Amino acid sequence: MVARTAEQAIAGSGAFRVVLAGGNTPRLLYERLRGLKTDWGAWHVYFGDERCLPAGHPERNSRMAQDAWLAHVAIPHGQIHTIPAEMGAKAAAAEYCATLREAGEFDLVLLGLGEDGHTASLFPGQDWGRKKNAPAALAVFDAPKPPPERVSLSARRLSRSKQVLFLVTGAGKHEAVMNWRAGADIPARAITPRHGVDVLAESALLEGAL
């Protein structure tokens, strides 16, 4: 799907704007993308969220993507838009809002799903940025998973995409998938692009969820 979407976007506008998911789930996908036959010079890469850790820290989402994929392909450095989370959540969110003003509509957003239904760094019980006036990027504090300070694209900004693909793996996600499909108001449900979302999940996670 990534390859097809990139090809269509580049053919249509000369650019492919993609938002990357963090965590461990997309690592294998990123490693496979190294061998993709594409015009890497047309790719513009953004990140759905980032942990407020020092630049280059091994647990940063941008570091994982860099090691697994981005360091191995010819995307121009200036077209890989990392979140400057080392600045702290507030300053980094403001900086990334400015970056995203030039991005326009994304062609593809990749997201994961946590056991509690969170996606990017939008957690239950916190502001997900669903309102029309929500900023493009949010400063996140007191996250239930370490580190507690993060930056996340808002639900509104993540929804401004032609396609959204959720990648869901791991037996611990079964309850979250069931709640999502049952209509529970979890963060993943706040992502509402005009064409809906696609979900790539292990078949075992769908058992009993219908």
N, C-alpha and C. Protein backbone atom coordinates (compact mmCIF):
# COMPACT_ATOMS: atom_id res chain seq x y z
N MET A 1 0.83 -1.20 0.00
CA MET A 1 0.00 0.00 0.00
C MET A 1 0.87 1.26 0.00
N VAL A 2 1.95 1.25 0.76
CA VAL A 2 2.82 2.42 0.81
C VAL A 2 3.41 2.72 -0.56
N ALA A 3 3.89 1.67 -1.23
CA ALA A 3 4.49 1.85 -2.55
C ALA A 3 3.48 2.40 -3.55
N ARG A 4 2.28 1.85 -3.53
CA ARG A 4 1.25 2.30 -4.48
C ARG A 4 0.84 3.74 -4.20
N THR A 5 0.67 4.07 -2.93
CA THR A 5 0.27 5.43 -2.57
C THR A 5 1.35 6.43 -2.95
N ALA A 6 2.62 6.06 -2.71
CA ALA A 6 3.73 6.94 -3.08
C ALA A 6 3.77 7.17 -4.58
N GLU A 7 3.61 6.10 -5.35
CA GLU A 7 3.65 6.21 -6.81
C GLU A 7 2.55 7.12 -7.32
N GLN A 8 1.34 6.95 -6.77
CA GLN A 8 0.21 7.77 -7.21
C GLN A 8 0.40 9.24 -6.85
N ALA A 9 0.91 9.48 -5.64
CA ALA A 9 1.11 10.86 -5.20
C ALA A 9 2.18 11.56 -6.04
N ILE A 10 3.28 10.88 -6.30
CA ILE A 10 4.36 11.47 -7.08
C ILE A 10 3.91 11.73 -8.51
N ALA A 11 3.14 10.80 -9.07
CA ALA A 11 2.63 10.99 -10.43
C ALA A 11 1.66 12.16 -10.50
N GLY A 12 0.89 12.36 -9.41
CA GLY A 12 -0.12 13.41 -9.42
C GLY A 12 0.38 14.79 -9.09
N SER A 13 1.32 14.88 -8.14
CA SER A 13 1.74 16.20 -7.66
C SER A 13 3.25 16.39 -7.64
N GLY A 14 4.00 15.33 -7.90
CA GLY A 14 5.45 15.42 -7.85
C GLY A 14 6.03 15.28 -6.46
N ALA A 15 5.17 14.98 -5.46
CA ALA A 15 5.65 14.84 -4.08
C ALA A 15 4.80 13.81 -3.35
N PHE A 16 5.42 13.17 -2.36
CA PHE A 16 4.72 12.21 -1.50
C PHE A 16 4.99 12.61 -0.05
N ARG A 17 3.92 12.97 0.66
CA ARG A 17 4.03 13.43 2.04
C ARG A 17 3.48 12.34 2.97
N VAL A 18 4.37 11.78 3.77
CA VAL A 18 4.00 10.65 4.62
C VAL A 18 4.34 10.96 6.07
N VAL A 19 3.48 10.51 6.98
CA VAL A 19 3.69 10.65 8.42
C VAL A 19 4.00 9.27 8.98
N LEU A 20 5.08 9.16 9.73
CA LEU A 20 5.52 7.87 10.24
C LEU A 20 5.03 7.61 11.65
N ALA A 21 4.71 6.34 11.90
CA ALA A 21 4.38 5.88 13.25
C ALA A 21 5.66 5.52 13.98
N GLY A 22 5.60 5.58 15.30
CA GLY A 22 6.74 5.18 16.11
C GLY A 22 6.49 3.83 16.76
N GLY A 23 7.27 3.54 17.79
CA GLY A 23 7.14 2.25 18.46
C GLY A 23 7.82 1.15 17.68
N ASN A 24 7.58 -0.09 18.08
CA ASN A 24 8.24 -1.23 17.44
C ASN A 24 7.47 -1.81 16.27
N THR A 25 6.15 -1.61 16.24
CA THR A 25 5.32 -2.28 15.23
C THR A 25 5.76 -1.98 13.80
N PRO A 26 6.08 -0.74 13.42
CA PRO A 26 6.38 -0.48 12.00
C PRO A 26 7.83 -0.77 11.59
N ARG A 27 8.66 -1.25 12.51
CA ARG A 27 10.07 -1.43 12.19
C ARG A 27 10.29 -2.33 10.97
N LEU A 28 9.61 -3.46 10.93
CA LEU A 28 9.78 -4.39 9.81
C LEU A 28 9.37 -3.75 8.49
N LEU A 29 8.27 -2.99 8.51
CA LEU A 29 7.84 -2.27 7.31
C LEU A 29 8.93 -1.31 6.85
N TYR A 30 9.49 -0.56 7.78
CA TYR A 30 10.52 0.41 7.43
C TYR A 30 11.74 -0.29 6.83
N GLU A 31 12.12 -1.41 7.39
CA GLU A 31 13.26 -2.14 6.84
C GLU A 31 12.99 -2.62 5.42
N ARG A 32 11.77 -3.02 5.15
CA ARG A 32 11.41 -3.48 3.80
C ARG A 32 11.39 -2.34 2.79
N LEU A 33 11.08 -1.14 3.27
CA LEU A 33 11.02 0.02 2.37
C LEU A 33 12.39 0.40 1.82
N ARG A 34 13.45 -0.08 2.43
CA ARG A 34 14.79 0.23 1.91
C ARG A 34 14.93 -0.18 0.44
N GLY A 35 14.30 -1.29 0.06
CA GLY A 35 14.46 -1.81 -1.30
C GLY A 35 13.43 -1.31 -2.28
N LEU A 36 12.61 -0.35 -1.88
CA LEU A 36 11.56 0.17 -2.75
C LEU A 36 12.15 0.93 -3.94
N LYS A 37 11.64 0.66 -5.13
CA LYS A 37 12.03 1.40 -6.33
C LYS A 37 11.14 2.63 -6.46
N THR A 38 11.67 3.79 -6.13
CA THR A 38 10.88 5.01 -6.10
C THR A 38 11.78 6.21 -6.29
N ASP A 39 11.18 7.34 -6.51
CA ASP A 39 11.92 8.60 -6.60
C ASP A 39 12.03 9.17 -5.18
N TRP A 40 13.08 8.79 -4.47
CA TRP A 40 13.22 9.22 -3.08
C TRP A 40 13.29 10.74 -2.96
N GLY A 41 13.73 11.40 -3.99
CA GLY A 41 13.81 12.86 -3.94
C GLY A 41 12.47 13.54 -3.85
N ALA A 42 11.38 12.80 -4.09
CA ALA A 42 10.03 13.37 -4.01
C ALA A 42 9.37 13.10 -2.67
N TRP A 43 10.04 12.37 -1.79
CA TRP A 43 9.46 12.02 -0.49
C TRP A 43 9.68 13.14 0.52
N HIS A 44 8.63 13.41 1.32
CA HIS A 44 8.70 14.35 2.43
C HIS A 44 8.17 13.60 3.66
N VAL A 45 9.02 13.43 4.64
CA VAL A 45 8.72 12.58 5.78
C VAL A 45 8.46 13.42 7.03
N TYR A 46 7.35 13.11 7.71
CA TYR A 46 6.99 13.76 8.97
C TYR A 46 6.78 12.66 10.01
N PHE A 47 6.62 13.06 11.26
CA PHE A 47 6.46 12.10 12.34
C PHE A 47 5.19 12.39 13.12
N GLY A 48 4.47 11.31 13.46
CA GLY A 48 3.21 11.47 14.19
C GLY A 48 3.40 11.87 15.63
N ASP A 49 4.51 11.46 16.23
CA ASP A 49 4.80 11.86 17.60
C ASP A 49 6.26 11.61 17.91
N GLU A 50 6.70 12.16 19.01
CA GLU A 50 8.08 11.97 19.44
C GLU A 50 8.17 12.07 20.95
N ARG A 51 9.15 11.35 21.50
CA ARG A 51 9.41 11.37 22.93
C ARG A 51 10.42 12.47 23.23
N CYS A 52 10.20 13.19 24.32
CA CYS A 52 11.10 14.28 24.67
C CYS A 52 12.35 13.71 25.34
N LEU A 53 13.27 13.33 24.50
CA LEU A 53 14.56 12.75 24.89
C LEU A 53 15.64 13.47 24.09
N PRO A 54 16.90 13.37 24.48
CA PRO A 54 17.96 14.03 23.73
C PRO A 54 17.99 13.60 22.27
N ALA A 55 18.41 14.49 21.40
CA ALA A 55 18.53 14.17 19.97
C ALA A 55 19.42 12.95 19.81
N GLY A 56 18.97 12.00 18.98
CA GLY A 56 19.75 10.80 18.73
C GLY A 56 19.56 9.71 19.76
N HIS A 57 18.76 9.95 20.79
CA HIS A 57 18.52 8.93 21.83
C HIS A 57 17.94 7.68 21.19
N PRO A 58 18.38 6.48 21.57
CA PRO A 58 17.92 5.25 20.93
C PRO A 58 16.42 4.98 21.06
N GLU A 59 15.74 5.64 22.01
CA GLU A 59 14.31 5.39 22.17
C GLU A 59 13.45 6.45 21.48
N ARG A 60 14.07 7.32 20.74
CA ARG A 60 13.28 8.28 19.97
C ARG A 60 12.72 7.61 18.71
N ASN A 61 11.51 7.98 18.34
CA ASN A 61 10.89 7.41 17.14
C ASN A 61 11.69 7.73 15.88
N SER A 62 12.23 8.95 15.82
CA SER A 62 12.99 9.33 14.64
C SER A 62 14.28 8.51 14.53
N ARG A 63 14.87 8.14 15.64
CA ARG A 63 16.08 7.33 15.62
C ARG A 63 15.77 5.93 15.10
N MET A 64 14.66 5.34 15.55
CA MET A 64 14.26 4.02 15.05
C MET A 64 14.06 4.05 13.55
N ALA A 65 13.32 5.05 13.06
CA ALA A 65 13.07 5.16 11.62
C ALA A 65 14.36 5.39 10.85
N GLN A 66 15.25 6.17 11.42
CA GLN A 66 16.54 6.44 10.78
C GLN A 66 17.36 5.16 10.65
N ASP A 67 17.45 4.41 11.74
CA ASP A 67 18.26 3.19 11.73
C ASP A 67 17.66 2.11 10.83
N ALA A 68 16.35 1.98 10.88
CA ALA A 68 15.69 0.90 10.13
C ALA A 68 15.55 1.20 8.64
N TRP A 69 15.53 2.51 8.28
CA TRP A 69 15.16 2.84 6.90
C TRP A 69 15.81 4.11 6.35
N LEU A 70 15.58 5.24 7.01
CA LEU A 70 15.89 6.53 6.38
C LEU A 70 17.37 6.72 6.10
N ALA A 71 18.24 6.14 6.92
CA ALA A 71 19.68 6.28 6.70
C ALA A 71 20.16 5.49 5.48
N HIS A 72 19.29 4.65 4.93
CA HIS A 72 19.68 3.75 3.85
C HIS A 72 19.12 4.16 2.49
N VAL A 73 18.38 5.26 2.42
CA VAL A 73 17.78 5.70 1.17
C VAL A 73 18.13 7.17 0.92
N ALA A 74 17.83 7.63 -0.30
CA ALA A 74 18.31 8.95 -0.73
C ALA A 74 17.27 10.06 -0.58
N ILE A 75 16.49 10.03 0.49
CA ILE A 75 15.59 11.16 0.76
C ILE A 75 16.45 12.34 1.20
N PRO A 76 16.32 13.50 0.56
CA PRO A 76 17.11 14.67 0.98
C PRO A 76 16.91 14.97 2.46
N HIS A 77 17.99 15.29 3.13
CA HIS A 77 17.94 15.53 4.58
C HIS A 77 16.90 16.60 4.94
N GLY A 78 16.81 17.63 4.14
CA GLY A 78 15.87 18.71 4.41
C GLY A 78 14.42 18.33 4.24
N GLN A 79 14.16 17.14 3.72
CA GLN A 79 12.78 16.66 3.53
C GLN A 79 12.40 15.62 4.58
N ILE A 80 13.26 15.40 5.56
CA ILE A 80 12.94 14.55 6.70
C ILE A 80 12.73 15.48 7.89
N HIS A 81 11.48 15.65 8.26
CA HIS A 81 11.10 16.68 9.22
C HIS A 81 10.91 16.06 10.61
N THR A 82 11.99 15.95 11.36
CA THR A 82 11.90 15.38 12.69
C THR A 82 11.31 16.42 13.66
N ILE A 83 10.71 15.93 14.72
CA ILE A 83 10.17 16.80 15.77
C ILE A 83 11.31 17.13 16.73
N PRO A 84 11.61 18.40 16.97
CA PRO A 84 12.74 18.76 17.83
C PRO A 84 12.41 18.60 19.31
N ALA A 85 12.08 17.38 19.70
CA ALA A 85 11.56 17.13 21.04
C ALA A 85 12.59 17.37 22.14
N GLU A 86 13.87 17.44 21.77
CA GLU A 86 14.90 17.75 22.76
C GLU A 86 14.72 19.16 23.33
N MET A 87 13.90 19.99 22.68
CA MET A 87 13.64 21.35 23.15
C MET A 87 12.66 21.37 24.32
N GLY A 88 12.01 20.25 24.59
CA GLY A 88 10.91 20.21 25.54
C GLY A 88 9.58 20.25 24.80
N ALA A 89 8.54 19.72 25.42
CA ALA A 89 7.27 19.52 24.73
C ALA A 89 6.66 20.81 24.19
N LYS A 90 6.62 21.87 25.01
CA LYS A 90 5.96 23.10 24.57
C LYS A 90 6.66 23.75 23.39
N ALA A 91 7.96 23.93 23.52
CA ALA A 91 8.72 24.59 22.46
C ALA A 91 8.75 23.75 21.19
N ALA A 92 8.88 22.43 21.36
CA ALA A 92 8.93 21.55 20.19
C ALA A 92 7.60 21.51 19.46
N ALA A 93 6.49 21.50 20.21
CA ALA A 93 5.17 21.50 19.57
C ALA A 93 4.97 22.78 18.77
N ALA A 94 5.37 23.91 19.34
CA ALA A 94 5.23 25.19 18.62
C ALA A 94 6.08 25.19 17.35
N GLU A 95 7.29 24.67 17.45
CA GLU A 95 8.20 24.61 16.30
C GLU A 95 7.63 23.71 15.21
N TYR A 96 7.05 22.59 15.62
CA TYR A 96 6.53 21.65 14.62
C TYR A 96 5.24 22.17 13.99
N CYS A 97 4.46 22.93 14.74
CA CYS A 97 3.29 23.59 14.14
C CYS A 97 3.73 24.47 12.98
N ALA A 98 4.83 25.20 13.17
CA ALA A 98 5.34 26.06 12.10
C ALA A 98 5.80 25.22 10.90
N THR A 99 6.45 24.12 11.15
CA THR A 99 6.88 23.22 10.08
C THR A 99 5.69 22.69 9.28
N LEU A 100 4.64 22.33 9.99
CA LEU A 100 3.48 21.71 9.34
C LEU A 100 2.63 22.70 8.55
N ARG A 101 2.82 24.00 8.77
CA ARG A 101 2.06 24.98 7.98
C ARG A 101 2.35 24.85 6.50
N GLU A 102 3.54 24.40 6.15
CA GLU A 102 3.94 24.26 4.76
C GLU A 102 3.64 22.89 4.19
N ALA A 103 3.13 21.97 5.01
CA ALA A 103 2.99 20.57 4.58
C ALA A 103 1.75 20.32 3.74
N GLY A 104 0.69 21.06 3.97
CA GLY A 104 -0.54 20.79 3.25
C GLY A 104 -1.15 19.47 3.69
N GLU A 105 -1.99 18.89 2.86
CA GLU A 105 -2.63 17.61 3.17
C GLU A 105 -1.62 16.48 3.01
N PHE A 106 -1.57 15.58 3.99
CA PHE A 106 -0.70 14.42 3.88
C PHE A 106 -1.27 13.44 2.85
N ASP A 107 -0.39 12.69 2.23
CA ASP A 107 -0.83 11.62 1.33
C ASP A 107 -1.10 10.33 2.09
N LEU A 108 -0.31 10.08 3.13
CA LEU A 108 -0.46 8.86 3.92
C LEU A 108 0.00 9.12 5.35
N VAL A 109 -0.81 8.68 6.31
CA VAL A 109 -0.44 8.71 7.72
C VAL A 109 -0.40 7.27 8.22
N LEU A 110 0.72 6.87 8.81
CA LEU A 110 0.86 5.55 9.43
C LEU A 110 0.71 5.72 10.94
N LEU A 111 -0.11 4.87 11.54
CA LEU A 111 -0.36 4.94 12.98
C LEU A 111 -0.35 3.56 13.59
N GLY A 112 -0.08 3.50 14.88
CA GLY A 112 -0.20 2.27 15.64
C GLY A 112 -1.38 2.37 16.59
N LEU A 113 -1.57 1.32 17.38
CA LEU A 113 -2.65 1.28 18.37
C LEU A 113 -2.09 0.68 19.65
N GLY A 114 -2.23 1.39 20.76
CA GLY A 114 -1.77 0.89 22.04
C GLY A 114 -2.81 0.03 22.72
N GLU A 115 -2.40 -0.67 23.76
CA GLU A 115 -3.32 -1.54 24.49
C GLU A 115 -4.45 -0.75 25.14
N ASP A 116 -4.22 0.53 25.42
CA ASP A 116 -5.25 1.38 26.01
C ASP A 116 -6.03 2.17 24.96
N GLY A 117 -5.77 1.89 23.69
CA GLY A 117 -6.47 2.58 22.61
C GLY A 117 -5.77 3.84 22.14
N HIS A 118 -4.60 4.14 22.70
CA HIS A 118 -3.92 5.37 22.27
C HIS A 118 -3.31 5.20 20.89
N THR A 119 -3.12 6.30 20.22
CA THR A 119 -2.43 6.31 18.93
C THR A 119 -1.56 7.56 18.88
N ALA A 120 -0.43 7.49 18.15
CA ALA A 120 0.60 8.53 18.28
C ALA A 120 0.85 8.70 19.78
N SER A 121 0.87 9.93 20.29
CA SER A 121 0.95 10.12 21.75
C SER A 121 -0.32 10.79 22.25
N LEU A 122 -1.45 10.32 21.71
CA LEU A 122 -2.77 10.78 22.15
C LEU A 122 -3.32 9.70 23.08
N PHE A 123 -3.38 10.00 24.38
CA PHE A 123 -3.73 9.00 25.39
C PHE A 123 -5.11 9.24 25.97
N PRO A 124 -5.78 8.18 26.43
CA PRO A 124 -7.08 8.35 27.09
C PRO A 124 -7.00 9.34 28.24
N GLY A 125 -8.03 10.15 28.38
CA GLY A 125 -8.09 11.10 29.47
C GLY A 125 -7.35 12.41 29.23
N GLN A 126 -6.75 12.57 28.05
CA GLN A 126 -6.04 13.79 27.72
C GLN A 126 -6.67 14.45 26.50
N ASP A 127 -6.23 15.65 26.21
CA ASP A 127 -6.73 16.38 25.04
C ASP A 127 -6.15 15.76 23.77
N TRP A 128 -7.02 15.36 22.86
CA TRP A 128 -6.56 14.73 21.61
C TRP A 128 -6.51 15.71 20.44
N GLY A 129 -6.94 16.92 20.67
CA GLY A 129 -6.89 17.92 19.61
C GLY A 129 -7.90 17.64 18.50
N ARG A 130 -9.14 17.39 18.89
CA ARG A 130 -10.18 17.08 17.89
C ARG A 130 -10.89 18.32 17.36
N LYS A 131 -10.87 19.41 18.12
CA LYS A 131 -11.64 20.59 17.72
C LYS A 131 -11.06 21.23 16.47
N LYS A 132 -11.89 21.98 15.76
CA LYS A 132 -11.47 22.60 14.50
C LYS A 132 -10.32 23.58 14.69
N ASN A 133 -10.22 24.17 15.87
CA ASN A 133 -9.16 25.15 16.12
C ASN A 133 -7.97 24.53 16.86
N ALA A 134 -7.95 23.22 16.97
CA ALA A 134 -6.83 22.56 17.66
C ALA A 134 -5.54 22.79 16.89
N PRO A 135 -4.43 22.99 17.59
CA PRO A 135 -3.14 23.16 16.89
C PRO A 135 -2.73 21.88 16.18
N ALA A 136 -1.84 22.02 15.23
CA ALA A 136 -1.38 20.85 14.47
C ALA A 136 -0.58 19.88 15.34
N ALA A 137 0.16 20.42 16.31
CA ALA A 137 0.97 19.60 17.21
C ALA A 137 0.67 19.97 18.65
N LEU A 138 0.64 18.97 19.51
CA LEU A 138 0.30 19.16 20.91
C LEU A 138 1.48 18.84 21.81
N ALA A 139 1.64 19.61 22.86
CA ALA A 139 2.58 19.27 23.92
C ALA A 139 1.87 18.30 24.86
N VAL A 140 2.49 17.16 25.11
CA VAL A 140 1.88 16.12 25.94
C VAL A 140 2.69 15.99 27.23
N PHE A 141 1.98 16.06 28.36
CA PHE A 141 2.61 15.90 29.67
C PHE A 141 1.91 14.77 30.43
N ASP A 142 2.59 14.16 31.34
CA ASP A 142 2.02 13.10 32.18
C ASP A 142 1.51 11.93 31.35
N ALA A 143 2.22 11.58 30.29
CA ALA A 143 1.86 10.39 29.51
C ALA A 143 1.95 9.16 30.41
N PRO A 144 1.03 8.21 30.27
CA PRO A 144 1.05 7.02 31.13
C PRO A 144 2.20 6.06 30.82
N LYS A 145 2.89 6.29 29.71
CA LYS A 145 4.05 5.48 29.37
C LYS A 145 5.27 6.39 29.37
N PRO A 146 6.42 5.88 29.81
CA PRO A 146 7.62 6.73 29.79
C PRO A 146 8.11 6.96 28.37
N PRO A 147 8.70 8.13 28.10
CA PRO A 147 8.82 9.26 29.02
C PRO A 147 7.49 10.01 29.11
N PRO A 148 7.25 10.71 30.21
CA PRO A 148 5.96 11.38 30.39
C PRO A 148 5.76 12.60 29.51
N GLU A 149 6.86 13.17 29.00
CA GLU A 149 6.76 14.38 28.18
C GLU A 149 6.99 14.03 26.72
N ARG A 150 6.05 14.44 25.86
CA ARG A 150 6.08 14.06 24.45
C ARG A 150 5.50 15.18 23.59
N VAL A 151 5.59 15.00 22.28
CA VAL A 151 4.92 15.86 21.31
C VAL A 151 4.14 14.95 20.38
N SER A 152 2.92 15.32 20.06
CA SER A 152 2.09 14.51 19.16
C SER A 152 1.34 15.40 18.18
N LEU A 153 1.22 14.95 16.95
CA LEU A 153 0.29 15.61 16.05
C LEU A 153 -1.11 15.44 16.63
N SER A 154 -1.94 16.45 16.47
CA SER A 154 -3.30 16.40 16.98
C SER A 154 -4.16 15.48 16.12
N ALA A 155 -5.28 15.04 16.68
CA ALA A 155 -6.21 14.22 15.91
C ALA A 155 -6.69 14.97 14.67
N ARG A 156 -6.91 16.27 14.83
CA ARG A 156 -7.35 17.07 13.68
C ARG A 156 -6.33 17.04 12.56
N ARG A 157 -5.05 17.22 12.91
CA ARG A 157 -4.01 17.26 11.87
C ARG A 157 -3.74 15.89 11.28
N LEU A 158 -3.78 14.85 12.10
CA LEU A 158 -3.59 13.49 11.58
C LEU A 158 -4.72 13.11 10.63
N SER A 159 -5.90 13.66 10.86
CA SER A 159 -7.06 13.36 10.01
C SER A 159 -7.00 14.08 8.67
N ARG A 160 -6.13 15.06 8.56
CA ARG A 160 -6.01 15.82 7.31
C ARG A 160 -5.06 15.07 6.37
N SER A 161 -5.54 13.93 5.90
CA SER A 161 -4.73 13.05 5.07
C SER A 161 -5.62 12.30 4.08
N LYS A 162 -5.06 12.03 2.92
CA LYS A 162 -5.82 11.29 1.92
C LYS A 162 -6.03 9.84 2.33
N GLN A 163 -5.04 9.28 3.04
CA GLN A 163 -5.15 7.91 3.52
C GLN A 163 -4.53 7.80 4.90
N VAL A 164 -5.14 6.98 5.76
CA VAL A 164 -4.60 6.68 7.08
C VAL A 164 -4.58 5.17 7.24
N LEU A 165 -3.43 4.64 7.62
CA LEU A 165 -3.28 3.20 7.80
C LEU A 165 -2.82 2.91 9.22
N PHE A 166 -3.63 2.14 9.96
CA PHE A 166 -3.25 1.67 11.27
C PHE A 166 -2.57 0.30 11.15
N LEU A 167 -1.42 0.16 11.79
CA LEU A 167 -0.70 -1.11 11.85
C LEU A 167 -0.85 -1.65 13.26
N VAL A 168 -1.49 -2.81 13.41
CA VAL A 168 -1.81 -3.31 14.75
C VAL A 168 -1.33 -4.75 14.89
N THR A 169 -0.40 -4.98 15.81
CA THR A 169 0.10 -6.32 16.09
C THR A 169 0.22 -6.50 17.60
N GLY A 170 0.25 -7.76 18.02
CA GLY A 170 0.45 -8.07 19.44
C GLY A 170 -0.83 -8.49 20.12
N ALA A 171 -0.77 -9.60 20.85
CA ALA A 171 -1.97 -10.16 21.50
C ALA A 171 -2.58 -9.18 22.50
N GLY A 172 -1.76 -8.31 23.08
CA GLY A 172 -2.26 -7.38 24.08
C GLY A 172 -3.19 -6.32 23.52
N LYS A 173 -3.28 -6.23 22.20
CA LYS A 173 -4.12 -5.20 21.56
C LYS A 173 -5.57 -5.68 21.34
N HIS A 174 -5.87 -6.94 21.69
CA HIS A 174 -7.18 -7.51 21.37
C HIS A 174 -8.32 -6.70 21.97
N GLU A 175 -8.22 -6.35 23.25
CA GLU A 175 -9.29 -5.60 23.89
C GLU A 175 -9.45 -4.23 23.26
N ALA A 176 -8.33 -3.58 22.93
CA ALA A 176 -8.40 -2.26 22.30
C ALA A 176 -9.11 -2.35 20.96
N VAL A 177 -8.80 -3.38 20.17
CA VAL A 177 -9.46 -3.56 18.87
C VAL A 177 -10.96 -3.79 19.06
N MET A 178 -11.32 -4.62 20.04
CA MET A 178 -12.73 -4.88 20.31
C MET A 178 -13.46 -3.59 20.71
N ASN A 179 -12.84 -2.82 21.59
CA ASN A 179 -13.46 -1.57 22.03
C ASN A 179 -13.62 -0.59 20.87
N TRP A 180 -12.61 -0.52 20.03
CA TRP A 180 -12.62 0.36 18.87
C TRP A 180 -13.77 0.01 17.94
N ARG A 181 -13.88 -1.27 17.63
CA ARG A 181 -14.93 -1.71 16.70
C ARG A 181 -16.31 -1.63 17.32
N ALA A 182 -16.38 -1.62 18.64
CA ALA A 182 -17.67 -1.49 19.32
C ALA A 182 -18.10 -0.03 19.45
N GLY A 183 -17.24 0.88 19.02
CA GLY A 183 -17.60 2.29 19.04
C GLY A 183 -17.15 3.06 20.26
N ALA A 184 -16.27 2.47 21.07
CA ALA A 184 -15.79 3.17 22.26
C ALA A 184 -15.02 4.42 21.85
N ASP A 185 -15.11 5.44 22.69
CA ASP A 185 -14.45 6.71 22.40
C ASP A 185 -13.00 6.65 22.87
N ILE A 186 -12.18 6.00 22.10
CA ILE A 186 -10.76 5.90 22.39
C ILE A 186 -10.01 6.82 21.44
N PRO A 187 -8.77 7.17 21.73
CA PRO A 187 -8.05 8.11 20.86
C PRO A 187 -8.02 7.70 19.39
N ALA A 188 -7.88 6.42 19.09
CA ALA A 188 -7.83 5.99 17.69
C ALA A 188 -9.09 6.39 16.93
N ARG A 189 -10.22 6.42 17.62
CA ARG A 189 -11.48 6.78 16.96
C ARG A 189 -11.53 8.27 16.61
N ALA A 190 -10.67 9.05 17.20
CA ALA A 190 -10.65 10.50 16.92
C ALA A 190 -9.98 10.82 15.58
N ILE A 191 -9.36 9.83 14.96
CA ILE A 191 -8.73 10.03 13.66
C ILE A 191 -9.78 9.78 12.59
N THR A 192 -10.22 10.85 11.92
CA THR A 192 -11.39 10.75 11.04
C THR A 192 -11.13 11.41 9.69
N PRO A 193 -10.23 10.88 8.87
CA PRO A 193 -10.05 11.45 7.53
C PRO A 193 -11.31 11.25 6.69
N ARG A 194 -11.47 12.04 5.68
CA ARG A 194 -12.72 12.03 4.92
C ARG A 194 -13.00 10.70 4.23
N HIS A 195 -11.96 9.92 3.93
CA HIS A 195 -12.16 8.62 3.28
C HIS A 195 -12.09 7.46 4.26
N GLY A 196 -12.10 7.75 5.56
CA GLY A 196 -12.02 6.69 6.54
C GLY A 196 -10.60 6.18 6.70
N VAL A 197 -10.43 5.17 7.55
CA VAL A 197 -9.11 4.62 7.82
C VAL A 197 -9.05 3.17 7.35
N ASP A 198 -7.83 2.71 7.07
CA ASP A 198 -7.57 1.31 6.81
C ASP A 198 -6.83 0.73 8.00
N VAL A 199 -7.08 -0.54 8.31
CA VAL A 199 -6.45 -1.19 9.44
C VAL A 199 -5.82 -2.49 8.97
N LEU A 200 -4.52 -2.63 9.22
CA LEU A 200 -3.80 -3.87 8.93
C LEU A 200 -3.50 -4.51 10.27
N ALA A 201 -4.23 -5.59 10.60
CA ALA A 201 -4.12 -6.21 11.91
C ALA A 201 -3.96 -7.71 11.78
N GLU A 202 -3.32 -8.31 12.77
CA GLU A 202 -3.22 -9.76 12.83
C GLU A 202 -4.62 -10.35 12.96
N SER A 203 -4.88 -11.44 12.26
CA SER A 203 -6.23 -12.02 12.26
C SER A 203 -6.70 -12.39 13.66
N ALA A 204 -5.77 -12.80 14.52
CA ALA A 204 -6.16 -13.19 15.88
C ALA A 204 -6.77 -12.03 16.66
N LEU A 205 -6.39 -10.80 16.32
CA LEU A 205 -6.90 -9.64 17.01
C LEU A 205 -8.35 -9.35 16.66
N LEU A 206 -8.79 -9.89 15.54
CA LEU A 206 -10.17 -9.63 15.09
C LEU A 206 -11.16 -10.67 15.61
N GLU A 207 -10.69 -11.75 16.20
CA GLU A 207 -11.57 -12.79 16.69
C GLU A 207 -12.41 -12.25 17.82
N GLY A 208 -13.73 -12.41 17.67
CA GLY A 208 -14.64 -11.94 18.69
C GLY A 208 -14.92 -10.44 18.64
N ALA A 209 -14.33 -9.77 17.65
CA ALA A 209 -14.51 -8.31 17.58
C ALA A 209 -15.64 -7.90 16.66
N LEU A 210 -16.27 -8.85 16.00
CA LEU A 210 -17.37 -8.52 15.09
C LEU A 210 -18.67 -8.36 15.83
